[in-house]
Amino acid sequence: TALVTPEEHLLGAQVVVVAWVLAATAVGQAVGWAVEGVRRTPRGVL
């Protein structure tokens, strides 16, 4: 992002990157719990 973004928009672009990291981590965590729940069912591992 720092390489391809003009200097006047760099700060805003990096804030968006941080927000995306937070959102993706939270979504990934929710999906991870859901898959773990499926894995713990009788035929979940398969």
All heavy atoms as atom14 arrays in JSON, in Angstrom:
{
  "sequence": "TALVTPEEHLLGAQVVVVAWVLAATAVGQAVGWAVEGVRRTPRGVL",
  "atom14_mask": [
    [1, 1, 1, 1, 1, 1, 1, 0, 0, 0, 0, 0, 0, 0],
    [1, 1, 1, 1, 1, 0, 0, 0, 0, 0, 0, 0, 0, 0],
    [1, 1, 1, 1, 1, 1, 1, 1, 0, 0, 0, 0, 0, 0],
    [1, 1, 1, 1, 1, 1, 1, 0, 0, 0, 0, 0, 0, 0],
    [1, 1, 1, 1, 1, 1, 1, 0, 0, 0, 0, 0, 0, 0],
    [1, 1, 1, 1, 1, 1, 1, 0, 0, 0, 0, 0, 0, 0],
    [1, 1, 1, 1, 1, 1, 1, 1, 1, 0, 0, 0, 0, 0],
    [1, 1, 1, 1, 1, 1, 1, 1, 1, 0, 0, 0, 0, 0],
    [1, 1, 1, 1, 1, 1, 1, 1, 1, 1, 0, 0, 0, 0],
    [1, 1, 1, 1, 1, 1, 1, 1, 0, 0, 0, 0, 0, 0],
    [1, 1, 1, 1, 1, 1, 1, 1, 0, 0, 0, 0, 0, 0],
    [1, 1, 1, 1, 0, 0, 0, 0, 0, 0, 0, 0, 0, 0],
    [1, 1, 1, 1, 1, 0, 0, 0, 0, 0, 0, 0, 0, 0],
    [1, 1, 1, 1, 1, 1, 1, 1, 1, 0, 0, 0, 0, 0],
    [1, 1, 1, 1, 1, 1, 1, 0, 0, 0, 0, 0, 0, 0],
    [1, 1, 1, 1, 1, 1, 1, 0, 0, 0, 0, 0, 0, 0],
    [1, 1, 1, 1, 1, 1, 1, 0, 0, 0, 0, 0, 0, 0],
    [1, 1, 1, 1, 1, 1, 1, 0, 0, 0, 0, 0, 0, 0],
    [1, 1, 1, 1, 1, 0, 0, 0, 0, 0, 0, 0, 0, 0],
    [1, 1, 1, 1, 1, 1, 1, 1, 1, 1, 1, 1, 1, 1],
    [1, 1, 1, 1, 1, 1, 1, 0, 0, 0, 0, 0, 0, 0],
    [1, 1, 1, 1, 1, 1, 1, 1, 0, 0, 0, 0, 0, 0],
    [1, 1, 1, 1, 1, 0, 0, 0, 0, 0, 0, 0, 0, 0],
    [1, 1, 1, 1, 1, 0, 0, 0, 0, 0, 0, 0, 0, 0],
    [1, 1, 1, 1, 1, 1, 1, 0, 0, 0, 0, 0, 0, 0],
    [1, 1, 1, 1, 1, 0, 0, 0, 0, 0, 0, 0, 0, 0],
    [1, 1, 1, 1, 1, 1, 1, 0, 0, 0, 0, 0, 0, 0],
    [1, 1, 1, 1, 0, 0, 0, 0, 0, 0, 0, 0, 0, 0],
    [1, 1, 1, 1, 1, 1, 1, 1, 1, 0, 0, 0, 0, 0],
    [1, 1, 1, 1, 1, 0, 0, 0, 0, 0, 0, 0, 0, 0],
    [1, 1, 1, 1, 1, 1, 1, 0, 0, 0, 0, 0, 0, 0],
    [1, 1, 1, 1, 0, 0, 0, 0, 0, 0, 0, 0, 0, 0],
    [1, 1, 1, 1, 1, 1, 1, 1, 1, 1, 1, 1, 1, 1],
    [1, 1, 1, 1, 1, 0, 0, 0, 0, 0, 0, 0, 0, 0],
    [1, 1, 1, 1, 1, 1, 1, 0, 0, 0, 0, 0, 0, 0],
    [1, 1, 1, 1, 1, 1, 1, 1, 1, 0, 0, 0, 0, 0],
    [1, 1, 1, 1, 0, 0, 0, 0, 0, 0, 0, 0, 0, 0],
    [1, 1, 1, 1, 1, 1, 1, 0, 0, 0, 0, 0, 0, 0],
    [1, 1, 1, 1, 1, 1, 1, 1, 1, 1, 1, 0, 0, 0],
    [1, 1, 1, 1, 1, 1, 1, 1, 1, 1, 1, 0, 0, 0],
    [1, 1, 1, 1, 1, 1, 1, 0, 0, 0, 0, 0, 0, 0],
    [1, 1, 1, 1, 1, 1, 1, 0, 0, 0, 0, 0, 0, 0],
    [1, 1, 1, 1, 1, 1, 1, 1, 1, 1, 1, 0, 0, 0],
    [1, 1, 1, 1, 0, 0, 0, 0, 0, 0, 0, 0, 0, 0],
    [1, 1, 1, 1, 1, 1, 1, 0, 0, 0, 0, 0, 0, 0],
    [1, 1, 1, 1, 1, 1, 1, 1, 0, 0, 0, 0, 0, 0]
  ],
  "atom14_positions": [
    [[0.83, -1.21, 0.0], [0.0, 0.0, 0.0], [0.86, 1.25, 0.0], [0.57, 2.22, -0.7], [-0.94, -0.01, 1.21], [-1.75, -1.18, 1.18], [-1.83, 1.22, 1.23], [0.0, 0.0, 0.0], [0.0, 0.0, 0.0], [0.0, 0.0, 0.0], [0.0, 0.0, 0.0], [0.0, 0.0, 0.0], [0.0, 0.0, 0.0], [0.0, 0.0, 0.0]],
    [[1.94, 1.25, 0.8], [2.83, 2.4, 0.83], [3.52, 2.61, -0.51], [3.8, 3.77, -0.9], [3.87, 2.21, 1.93], [0.0, 0.0, 0.0], [0.0, 0.0, 0.0], [0.0, 0.0, 0.0], [0.0, 0.0, 0.0], [0.0, 0.0, 0.0], [0.0, 0.0, 0.0], [0.0, 0.0, 0.0], [0.0, 0.0, 0.0], [0.0, 0.0, 0.0]],
    [[3.79, 1.55, -1.24], [4.45, 1.69, -2.54], [3.55, 2.31, -3.61], [3.99, 3.13, -4.4], [4.95, 0.32, -3.02], [6.33, -0.14, -2.54], [6.59, -1.55, -3.01], [7.42, 0.8, -3.06], [0.0, 0.0, 0.0], [0.0, 0.0, 0.0], [0.0, 0.0, 0.0], [0.0, 0.0, 0.0], [0.0, 0.0, 0.0], [0.0, 0.0, 0.0]],
    [[2.28, 1.9, -3.62], [1.41, 2.26, -4.75], [0.52, 3.46, -4.46], [-0.16, 3.93, -5.37], [0.53, 1.06, -5.14], [1.39, -0.15, -5.48], [-0.46, 0.7, -4.04], [0.0, 0.0, 0.0], [0.0, 0.0, 0.0], [0.0, 0.0, 0.0], [0.0, 0.0, 0.0], [0.0, 0.0, 0.0], [0.0, 0.0, 0.0], [0.0, 0.0, 0.0]],
    [[0.52, 3.97, -3.23], [-0.4, 5.05, -2.87], [0.32, 6.4, -2.93], [1.43, 6.54, -2.41], [-0.96, 4.83, -1.45], [-1.59, 3.56, -1.39], [-1.98, 5.91, -1.1], [0.0, 0.0, 0.0], [0.0, 0.0, 0.0], [0.0, 0.0, 0.0], [0.0, 0.0, 0.0], [0.0, 0.0, 0.0], [0.0, 0.0, 0.0], [0.0, 0.0, 0.0]],
    [[-0.29, 7.4, -3.54], [0.3, 8.75, -3.52], [0.44, 9.28, -2.09], [-0.32, 8.89, -1.19], [-0.7, 9.59, -4.33], [-1.44, 8.6, -5.17], [-1.51, 7.35, -4.37], [0.0, 0.0, 0.0], [0.0, 0.0, 0.0], [0.0, 0.0, 0.0], [0.0, 0.0, 0.0], [0.0, 0.0, 0.0], [0.0, 0.0, 0.0], [0.0, 0.0, 0.0]],
    [[1.39, 10.17, -1.9], [1.7, 10.64, -0.56], [0.51, 11.31, 0.12], [0.29, 11.13, 1.32], [2.87, 11.63, -0.63], [3.32, 12.14, 0.73], [4.49, 13.1, 0.62], [4.93, 13.36, -0.53], [4.95, 13.58, 1.66], [0.0, 0.0, 0.0], [0.0, 0.0, 0.0], [0.0, 0.0, 0.0], [0.0, 0.0, 0.0], [0.0, 0.0, 0.0]],
    [[-0.3, 12.03, -0.64], [-1.42, 12.75, -0.02], [-2.52, 11.82, 0.48], [-3.34, 12.22, 1.32], [-2.01, 13.75, -1.01], [-2.58, 13.14, -2.29], [-1.54, 12.99, -3.39], [-0.33, 13.09, -3.07], [-1.93, 12.8, -4.56], [0.0, 0.0, 0.0], [0.0, 0.0, 0.0], [0.0, 0.0, 0.0], [0.0, 0.0, 0.0], [0.0, 0.0, 0.0]],
    [[-2.57, 10.58, 0.0], [-3.59, 9.63, 0.43], [-3.02, 8.48, 1.27], [-3.75, 7.53, 1.59], [-4.32, 9.03, -0.78], [-5.06, 10.04, -1.6], [-6.07, 10.82, -1.09], [-4.93, 10.4, -2.91], [-6.54, 11.62, -2.04], [-5.87, 11.39, -3.15], [0.0, 0.0, 0.0], [0.0, 0.0, 0.0], [0.0, 0.0, 0.0], [0.0, 0.0, 0.0]],
    [[-1.72, 8.55, 1.61], [-1.08, 7.42, 2.26], [-1.67, 7.13, 3.63], [-1.96, 5.98, 3.97], [0.43, 7.66, 2.37], [1.24, 6.55, 3.05], [1.09, 5.24, 2.3], [2.71, 6.94, 3.16], [0.0, 0.0, 0.0], [0.0, 0.0, 0.0], [0.0, 0.0, 0.0], [0.0, 0.0, 0.0], [0.0, 0.0, 0.0], [0.0, 0.0, 0.0]],
    [[-1.84, 8.15, 4.45], [-2.34, 7.94, 5.8], [-3.72, 7.28, 5.77], [-3.97, 6.3, 6.49], [-2.41, 9.26, 6.56], [-2.96, 9.18, 7.99], [-2.1, 8.25, 8.84], [-3.04, 10.58, 8.62], [0.0, 0.0, 0.0], [0.0, 0.0, 0.0], [0.0, 0.0, 0.0], [0.0, 0.0, 0.0], [0.0, 0.0, 0.0], [0.0, 0.0, 0.0]],
    [[-4.62, 7.8, 4.95], [-5.96, 7.21, 4.87], [-5.92, 5.78, 4.37], [-6.65, 4.92, 4.89], [0.0, 0.0, 0.0], [0.0, 0.0, 0.0], [0.0, 0.0, 0.0], [0.0, 0.0, 0.0], [0.0, 0.0, 0.0], [0.0, 0.0, 0.0], [0.0, 0.0, 0.0], [0.0, 0.0, 0.0], [0.0, 0.0, 0.0], [0.0, 0.0, 0.0]],
    [[-5.07, 5.49, 3.39], [-4.98, 4.13, 2.86], [-4.48, 3.16, 3.92], [-4.99, 2.04, 4.05], [-4.07, 4.11, 1.64], [0.0, 0.0, 0.0], [0.0, 0.0, 0.0], [0.0, 0.0, 0.0], [0.0, 0.0, 0.0], [0.0, 0.0, 0.0], [0.0, 0.0, 0.0], [0.0, 0.0, 0.0], [0.0, 0.0, 0.0], [0.0, 0.0, 0.0]],
    [[-3.5, 3.59, 4.71], [-2.99, 2.69, 5.75], [-4.01, 2.47, 6.87], [-4.07, 1.37, 7.45], [-1.68, 3.24, 6.34], [-0.54, 3.38, 5.33], [-0.02, 2.03, 4.83], [-0.77, 1.08, 4.69], [1.26, 1.98, 4.53], [0.0, 0.0, 0.0], [0.0, 0.0, 0.0], [0.0, 0.0, 0.0], [0.0, 0.0, 0.0], [0.0, 0.0, 0.0]],
    [[-4.81, 3.48, 7.16], [-5.89, 3.29, 8.14], [-6.89, 2.26, 7.61], [-7.39, 1.41, 8.36], [-6.57, 4.62, 8.46], [-7.79, 4.4, 9.36], [-5.6, 5.57, 9.14], [0.0, 0.0, 0.0], [0.0, 0.0, 0.0], [0.0, 0.0, 0.0], [0.0, 0.0, 0.0], [0.0, 0.0, 0.0], [0.0, 0.0, 0.0], [0.0, 0.0, 0.0]],
    [[-7.18, 2.31, 6.31], [-8.08, 1.32, 5.72], [-7.48, -0.08, 5.82], [-8.18, -1.06, 6.11], [-8.39, 1.68, 4.25], [-9.17, 0.56, 3.57], [-9.18, 2.98, 4.17], [0.0, 0.0, 0.0], [0.0, 0.0, 0.0], [0.0, 0.0, 0.0], [0.0, 0.0, 0.0], [0.0, 0.0, 0.0], [0.0, 0.0, 0.0], [0.0, 0.0, 0.0]],
    [[-6.18, -0.19, 5.6], [-5.51, -1.49, 5.71], [-5.66, -2.04, 7.13], [-5.98, -3.22, 7.32], [-4.03, -1.38, 5.32], [-3.28, -2.66, 5.66], [-3.89, -1.08, 3.83], [0.0, 0.0, 0.0], [0.0, 0.0, 0.0], [0.0, 0.0, 0.0], [0.0, 0.0, 0.0], [0.0, 0.0, 0.0], [0.0, 0.0, 0.0], [0.0, 0.0, 0.0]],
    [[-5.43, -1.19, 8.12], [-5.57, -1.63, 9.51], [-7.01, -2.07, 9.8], [-7.25, -3.09, 10.46], [-5.13, -0.52, 10.48], [-5.41, -0.91, 11.92], [-3.64, -0.23, 10.3], [0.0, 0.0, 0.0], [0.0, 0.0, 0.0], [0.0, 0.0, 0.0], [0.0, 0.0, 0.0], [0.0, 0.0, 0.0], [0.0, 0.0, 0.0], [0.0, 0.0, 0.0]],
    [[-7.98, -1.3, 9.29], [-9.38, -1.67, 9.49], [-9.7, -2.99, 8.81], [-10.45, -3.82, 9.35], [-10.3, -0.55, 8.97], [0.0, 0.0, 0.0], [0.0, 0.0, 0.0], [0.0, 0.0, 0.0], [0.0, 0.0, 0.0], [0.0, 0.0, 0.0], [0.0, 0.0, 0.0], [0.0, 0.0, 0.0], [0.0, 0.0, 0.0], [0.0, 0.0, 0.0]],
    [[-9.15, -3.2, 7.62], [-9.37, -4.48, 6.94], [-8.75, -5.64, 7.72], [-9.35, -6.71, 7.82], [-8.77, -4.43, 5.53], [-8.77, -5.77, 4.84], [-7.72, -6.62, 4.69], [-9.89, -6.44, 4.26], [-8.09, -7.76, 4.05], [-9.44, -7.67, 3.76], [-11.23, -6.1, 4.1], [-10.26, -8.57, 3.11], [-12.06, -7.0, 3.46], [-11.59, -8.21, 2.97]],
    [[-7.57, -5.42, 8.28], [-6.92, -6.46, 9.08], [-7.8, -6.83, 10.27], [-7.99, -8.02, 10.58], [-5.54, -5.98, 9.55], [-4.98, -6.88, 10.64], [-4.57, -5.93, 8.37], [0.0, 0.0, 0.0], [0.0, 0.0, 0.0], [0.0, 0.0, 0.0], [0.0, 0.0, 0.0], [0.0, 0.0, 0.0], [0.0, 0.0, 0.0], [0.0, 0.0, 0.0]],
    [[-8.37, -5.83, 10.94], [-9.24, -6.1, 12.08], [-10.49, -6.86, 11.64], [-10.91, -7.84, 12.29], [-9.63, -4.79, 12.77], [-8.48, -4.0, 13.42], [-9.01, -2.68, 13.97], [-7.83, -4.81, 14.52], [0.0, 0.0, 0.0], [0.0, 0.0, 0.0], [0.0, 0.0, 0.0], [0.0, 0.0, 0.0], [0.0, 0.0, 0.0], [0.0, 0.0, 0.0]],
    [[-11.11, -6.4, 10.54], [-12.34, -7.05, 10.06], [-12.06, -8.49, 9.62], [-12.81, -9.41, 9.95], [-12.94, -6.25, 8.92], [0.0, 0.0, 0.0], [0.0, 0.0, 0.0], [0.0, 0.0, 0.0], [0.0, 0.0, 0.0], [0.0, 0.0, 0.0], [0.0, 0.0, 0.0], [0.0, 0.0, 0.0], [0.0, 0.0, 0.0], [0.0, 0.0, 0.0]],
    [[-10.98, -8.68, 8.86], [-10.66, -10.02, 8.38], [-10.34, -10.96, 9.54], [-10.73, -12.14, 9.52], [-9.48, -9.96, 7.41], [0.0, 0.0, 0.0], [0.0, 0.0, 0.0], [0.0, 0.0, 0.0], [0.0, 0.0, 0.0], [0.0, 0.0, 0.0], [0.0, 0.0, 0.0], [0.0, 0.0, 0.0], [0.0, 0.0, 0.0], [0.0, 0.0, 0.0]],
    [[-9.65, -10.46, 10.56], [-9.32, -11.29, 11.72], [-10.59, -11.71, 12.45], [-10.73, -12.87, 12.86], [-8.38, -10.53, 12.67], [-7.2, -10.15, 11.95], [-8.0, -11.39, 13.85], [0.0, 0.0, 0.0], [0.0, 0.0, 0.0], [0.0, 0.0, 0.0], [0.0, 0.0, 0.0], [0.0, 0.0, 0.0], [0.0, 0.0, 0.0], [0.0, 0.0, 0.0]],
    [[-11.51, -10.76, 12.64], [-12.76, -11.08, 13.34], [-13.6, -12.07, 12.55], [-14.16, -13.02, 13.11], [-13.54, -9.79, 13.61], [0.0, 0.0, 0.0], [0.0, 0.0, 0.0], [0.0, 0.0, 0.0], [0.0, 0.0, 0.0], [0.0, 0.0, 0.0], [0.0, 0.0, 0.0], [0.0, 0.0, 0.0], [0.0, 0.0, 0.0], [0.0, 0.0, 0.0]],
    [[-13.7, -11.86, 11.23], [-14.46, -12.79, 10.39], [-13.8, -14.17, 10.39], [-14.47, -15.21, 10.5], [-14.59, -12.24, 8.96], [-15.2, -13.28, 8.03], [-15.45, -10.97, 8.95], [0.0, 0.0, 0.0], [0.0, 0.0, 0.0], [0.0, 0.0, 0.0], [0.0, 0.0, 0.0], [0.0, 0.0, 0.0], [0.0, 0.0, 0.0], [0.0, 0.0, 0.0]],
    [[-12.48, -14.2, 10.25], [-11.77, -15.47, 10.26], [-11.96, -16.2, 11.58], [-12.1, -17.44, 11.59], [0.0, 0.0, 0.0], [0.0, 0.0, 0.0], [0.0, 0.0, 0.0], [0.0, 0.0, 0.0], [0.0, 0.0, 0.0], [0.0, 0.0, 0.0], [0.0, 0.0, 0.0], [0.0, 0.0, 0.0], [0.0, 0.0, 0.0], [0.0, 0.0, 0.0]],
    [[-11.99, -15.45, 12.7], [-12.2, -16.09, 13.99], [-13.58, -16.73, 14.08], [-13.73, -17.85, 14.57], [-12.04, -15.05, 15.09], [-11.91, -15.62, 16.47], [-10.58, -16.34, 16.64], [-9.53, -15.78, 16.36], [-10.63, -17.58, 17.09], [0.0, 0.0, 0.0], [0.0, 0.0, 0.0], [0.0, 0.0, 0.0], [0.0, 0.0, 0.0], [0.0, 0.0, 0.0]],
    [[-14.6, -16.01, 13.59], [-15.96, -16.55, 13.6], [-16.05, -17.82, 12.75], [-16.65, -18.82, 13.15], [-16.95, -15.5, 13.11], [0.0, 0.0, 0.0], [0.0, 0.0, 0.0], [0.0, 0.0, 0.0], [0.0, 0.0, 0.0], [0.0, 0.0, 0.0], [0.0, 0.0, 0.0], [0.0, 0.0, 0.0], [0.0, 0.0, 0.0], [0.0, 0.0, 0.0]],
    [[-15.44, -17.79, 11.56], [-15.44, -18.98, 10.7], [-14.67, -20.12, 11.37], [-15.07, -21.29, 11.3], [-14.84, -18.63, 9.32], [-14.73, -19.89, 8.46], [-15.7, -17.59, 8.62], [0.0, 0.0, 0.0], [0.0, 0.0, 0.0], [0.0, 0.0, 0.0], [0.0, 0.0, 0.0], [0.0, 0.0, 0.0], [0.0, 0.0, 0.0], [0.0, 0.0, 0.0]],
    [[-13.57, -19.79, 12.02], [-12.79, -20.81, 12.71], [-13.57, -21.52, 13.79], [-13.51, -22.75, 13.93], [0.0, 0.0, 0.0], [0.0, 0.0, 0.0], [0.0, 0.0, 0.0], [0.0, 0.0, 0.0], [0.0, 0.0, 0.0], [0.0, 0.0, 0.0], [0.0, 0.0, 0.0], [0.0, 0.0, 0.0], [0.0, 0.0, 0.0], [0.0, 0.0, 0.0]],
    [[-14.34, -20.76, 14.58], [-15.17, -21.39, 15.61], [-16.24, -22.27, 14.98], [-16.55, -23.36, 15.49], [-15.82, -20.32, 16.48], [-14.93, -19.66, 17.47], [-14.67, -18.32, 17.57], [-14.18, -20.28, 18.52], [-13.8, -18.07, 18.6], [-13.49, -19.26, 19.21], [-14.03, -21.59, 18.94], [-12.66, -19.53, 20.29], [-13.2, -21.86, 20.02], [-12.54, -20.84, 20.68]],
    [[-16.84, -21.79, 13.88], [-17.88, -22.58, 13.23], [-17.32, -23.91, 12.71], [-17.94, -24.98, 12.88], [-18.51, -21.79, 12.09], [0.0, 0.0, 0.0], [0.0, 0.0, 0.0], [0.0, 0.0, 0.0], [0.0, 0.0, 0.0], [0.0, 0.0, 0.0], [0.0, 0.0, 0.0], [0.0, 0.0, 0.0], [0.0, 0.0, 0.0], [0.0, 0.0, 0.0]],
    [[-16.15, -23.86, 12.08], [-15.54, -25.09, 11.57], [-15.15, -26.01, 12.72], [-15.31, -27.24, 12.64], [-14.32, -24.75, 10.69], [-13.58, -26.01, 10.28], [-14.76, -23.97, 9.46], [0.0, 0.0, 0.0], [0.0, 0.0, 0.0], [0.0, 0.0, 0.0], [0.0, 0.0, 0.0], [0.0, 0.0, 0.0], [0.0, 0.0, 0.0], [0.0, 0.0, 0.0]],
    [[-14.67, -25.43, 13.82], [-14.32, -26.25, 14.97], [-15.56, -26.93, 15.56], [-15.49, -28.08, 16.0], [-13.63, -25.4, 16.04], [-13.2, -26.15, 17.29], [-12.16, -27.22, 17.01], [-11.53, -27.21, 15.94], [-11.99, -28.1, 17.89], [0.0, 0.0, 0.0], [0.0, 0.0, 0.0], [0.0, 0.0, 0.0], [0.0, 0.0, 0.0], [0.0, 0.0, 0.0]],
    [[-16.69, -26.22, 15.56], [-17.92, -26.84, 16.01], [-18.32, -28.02, 15.14], [-18.72, -29.08, 15.63], [0.0, 0.0, 0.0], [0.0, 0.0, 0.0], [0.0, 0.0, 0.0], [0.0, 0.0, 0.0], [0.0, 0.0, 0.0], [0.0, 0.0, 0.0], [0.0, 0.0, 0.0], [0.0, 0.0, 0.0], [0.0, 0.0, 0.0], [0.0, 0.0, 0.0]],
    [[-18.2, -27.84, 13.81], [-18.5, -28.94, 12.89], [-17.53, -30.09, 13.13], [-17.91, -31.27, 13.14], [-18.42, -28.46, 11.43], [-18.55, -29.63, 10.47], [-19.49, -27.41, 11.15], [0.0, 0.0, 0.0], [0.0, 0.0, 0.0], [0.0, 0.0, 0.0], [0.0, 0.0, 0.0], [0.0, 0.0, 0.0], [0.0, 0.0, 0.0], [0.0, 0.0, 0.0]],
    [[-16.26, -29.78, 13.36], [-15.25, -30.81, 13.56], [-15.54, -31.65, 14.81], [-15.16, -32.83, 14.88], [-13.87, -30.14, 13.67], [-12.71, -31.12, 13.7], [-11.41, -30.4, 13.94], [-10.88, -29.8, 12.74], [-10.57, -28.52, 12.61], [-10.77, -27.68, 13.61], [-10.08, -28.05, 11.48], [0.0, 0.0, 0.0], [0.0, 0.0, 0.0], [0.0, 0.0, 0.0]],
    [[-16.19, -31.08, 15.79], [-16.46, -31.8, 17.04], [-17.76, -32.6, 17.01], [-18.11, -33.22, 18.01], [-16.49, -30.81, 18.21], [-15.15, -30.15, 18.48], [-15.17, -29.32, 19.74], [-13.86, -28.72, 20.01], [-13.5, -28.17, 21.17], [-14.38, -28.13, 22.17], [-12.31, -27.65, 21.33], [0.0, 0.0, 0.0], [0.0, 0.0, 0.0], [0.0, 0.0, 0.0]],
    [[-18.49, -32.57, 15.91], [-19.67, -33.41, 15.77], [-19.24, -34.84, 15.44], [-18.07, -35.09, 15.1], [-20.59, -32.86, 14.67], [-19.85, -32.77, 13.44], [-21.11, -31.48, 15.03], [0.0, 0.0, 0.0], [0.0, 0.0, 0.0], [0.0, 0.0, 0.0], [0.0, 0.0, 0.0], [0.0, 0.0, 0.0], [0.0, 0.0, 0.0], [0.0, 0.0, 0.0]],
    [[-20.17, -35.83, 15.51], [-19.76, -37.24, 15.32], [-18.98, -37.51, 14.04], [-18.01, -38.26, 14.06], [-21.1, -37.98, 15.34], [-21.96, -37.14, 16.23], [-21.56, -35.73, 15.97], [0.0, 0.0, 0.0], [0.0, 0.0, 0.0], [0.0, 0.0, 0.0], [0.0, 0.0, 0.0], [0.0, 0.0, 0.0], [0.0, 0.0, 0.0], [0.0, 0.0, 0.0]],
    [[-19.38, -36.96, 12.9], [-18.65, -37.18, 11.65], [-18.0, -35.89, 11.17], [-17.75, -35.7, 9.99], [-19.59, -37.73, 10.58], [-20.07, -39.15, 10.86], [-20.95, -39.66, 9.74], [-21.34, -41.05, 9.95], [-22.33, -41.46, 10.72], [-23.06, -40.55, 11.37], [-22.61, -42.74, 10.87], [0.0, 0.0, 0.0], [0.0, 0.0, 0.0], [0.0, 0.0, 0.0]],
    [[-17.73, -35.01, 12.1], [-17.23, -33.69, 11.73], [-15.82, -33.68, 11.17], [-15.51, -32.92, 10.26], [0.0, 0.0, 0.0], [0.0, 0.0, 0.0], [0.0, 0.0, 0.0], [0.0, 0.0, 0.0], [0.0, 0.0, 0.0], [0.0, 0.0, 0.0], [0.0, 0.0, 0.0], [0.0, 0.0, 0.0], [0.0, 0.0, 0.0], [0.0, 0.0, 0.0]],
    [[-14.94, -34.54, 11.72], [-13.56, -34.56, 11.23], [-13.51, -34.92, 9.76], [-12.83, -34.27, 8.95], [-12.72, -35.54, 12.07], [-11.31, -35.66, 11.5], [-12.66, -35.08, 13.52], [0.0, 0.0, 0.0], [0.0, 0.0, 0.0], [0.0, 0.0, 0.0], [0.0, 0.0, 0.0], [0.0, 0.0, 0.0], [0.0, 0.0, 0.0], [0.0, 0.0, 0.0]],
    [[-14.27, -35.94, 9.38], [-14.32, -36.34, 7.98], [-14.94, -35.24, 7.12], [-14.45, -34.96, 6.01], [-15.12, -37.63, 7.84], [-15.31, -38.17, 6.42], [-13.95, -38.51, 5.81], [-16.22, -39.39, 6.42], [0.0, 0.0, 0.0], [0.0, 0.0, 0.0], [0.0, 0.0, 0.0], [0.0, 0.0, 0.0], [0.0, 0.0, 0.0], [0.0, 0.0, 0.0]]
  ]
}
